[in-house]
C-alpha cells in the first residue's frame, strides 16, 4: 500500500507505523496552495473508521469556507 493515498474529495491519508508498532494516520488536504493537516489518529481497525473521516471532512469544509 502506498505511503499516501487519496480518500476522496481532496482528502488524503498519510500512513505511518510508530516505533512501538502502533499504526498512526494523518488526514490532510490542500487549500490555496497550502497543505492542511485536518486530523490525526491511532488506527485500531483495518478500515478507517467513518467517524474519523467525517471529522476530517468537516474540518476540511471549515478551511475551504474560510
Protein backbone atom coordinates (compact mmCIF):
# COMPACT_ATOMS: atom_id res chain seq x y z
CA UNK A 1 0.00 0.00 0.00
CA UNK A 2 1.35 3.48 -0.78
CA UNK A 3 2.58 5.86 1.92
CA UNK A 4 -0.07 8.41 0.88
CA UNK A 5 -3.43 7.60 -0.63
CA UNK A 6 -6.43 9.68 -1.72
CA UNK A 7 -9.55 9.35 0.43
CA UNK A 8 -11.81 11.25 -1.99
CA UNK A 9 -12.99 14.85 -2.31
CA UNK A 10 -9.46 16.27 -1.98
CA UNK A 11 -8.69 14.47 1.29
CA UNK A 12 -5.51 12.37 1.60
CA UNK A 13 -4.17 9.94 4.19
CA UNK A 14 -0.51 9.56 5.28
CA UNK A 15 0.30 6.18 6.81
CA UNK A 16 2.99 5.54 9.38
CA UNK A 17 3.99 2.94 11.92
CA UNK A 18 5.39 4.31 15.17
CA UNK A 19 8.45 2.73 16.85
CA UNK A 20 6.24 0.81 19.32
CA UNK A 21 4.31 -0.81 16.45
CA UNK A 22 1.28 1.47 16.76
CA UNK A 23 -0.26 2.46 13.43
CA UNK A 24 -0.99 6.17 13.01
CA UNK A 25 -2.74 8.13 10.29
CA UNK A 26 -2.82 11.82 9.40
CA UNK A 27 -5.52 13.14 7.08
CA UNK A 28 -4.72 16.26 5.09
CA UNK A 29 -5.98 18.44 2.25
CA UNK A 30 -4.76 21.33 0.12
CA UNK A 31 -6.29 24.80 0.00
CA UNK A 32 -4.91 27.89 -1.69
CA UNK A 33 -1.60 26.19 -2.44
CA UNK A 34 -1.08 25.18 1.20
CA UNK A 35 -1.25 21.80 2.91
CA UNK A 36 -3.52 21.48 5.96
CA UNK A 37 -3.35 18.54 8.36
CA UNK A 38 -7.00 18.25 9.36
CA UNK A 39 -6.97 15.17 11.62
CA UNK A 40 -4.64 12.56 13.09
CA UNK A 41 -5.49 9.36 14.93
CA UNK A 42 -4.21 5.98 16.04
CA UNK A 43 -5.60 3.25 13.85
CA UNK A 44 -7.28 0.39 15.73
CA UNK A 45 -9.24 -1.29 12.92
CA UNK A 46 -8.28 -2.37 9.42
CA UNK A 47 -10.72 0.04 7.77
CA UNK A 48 -10.57 3.78 8.51
CA UNK A 49 -13.50 4.44 10.87
CA UNK A 50 -16.25 6.60 9.31
CA UNK A 51 -16.25 8.93 12.34
CA UNK A 52 -12.56 9.77 11.71
CA UNK A 53 -13.29 10.55 8.04
CA UNK A 54 -16.37 12.59 8.96
CA UNK A 55 -14.37 14.74 11.38
CA UNK A 56 -11.61 15.30 8.80
CA UNK A 57 -14.14 16.25 6.10
CA UNK A 58 -15.89 18.65 8.50
CA UNK A 59 -12.59 20.39 9.21
CA UNK A 60 -11.73 20.40 5.51
CA UNK A 61 -15.01 22.22 4.77
CA UNK A 62 -14.25 24.77 7.51
CA UNK A 63 -10.92 25.53 5.81
CA UNK A 64 -12.49 25.70 2.33
CA UNK A 65 -15.24 28.06 3.53
CA UNK A 66 -12.74 30.30 5.35
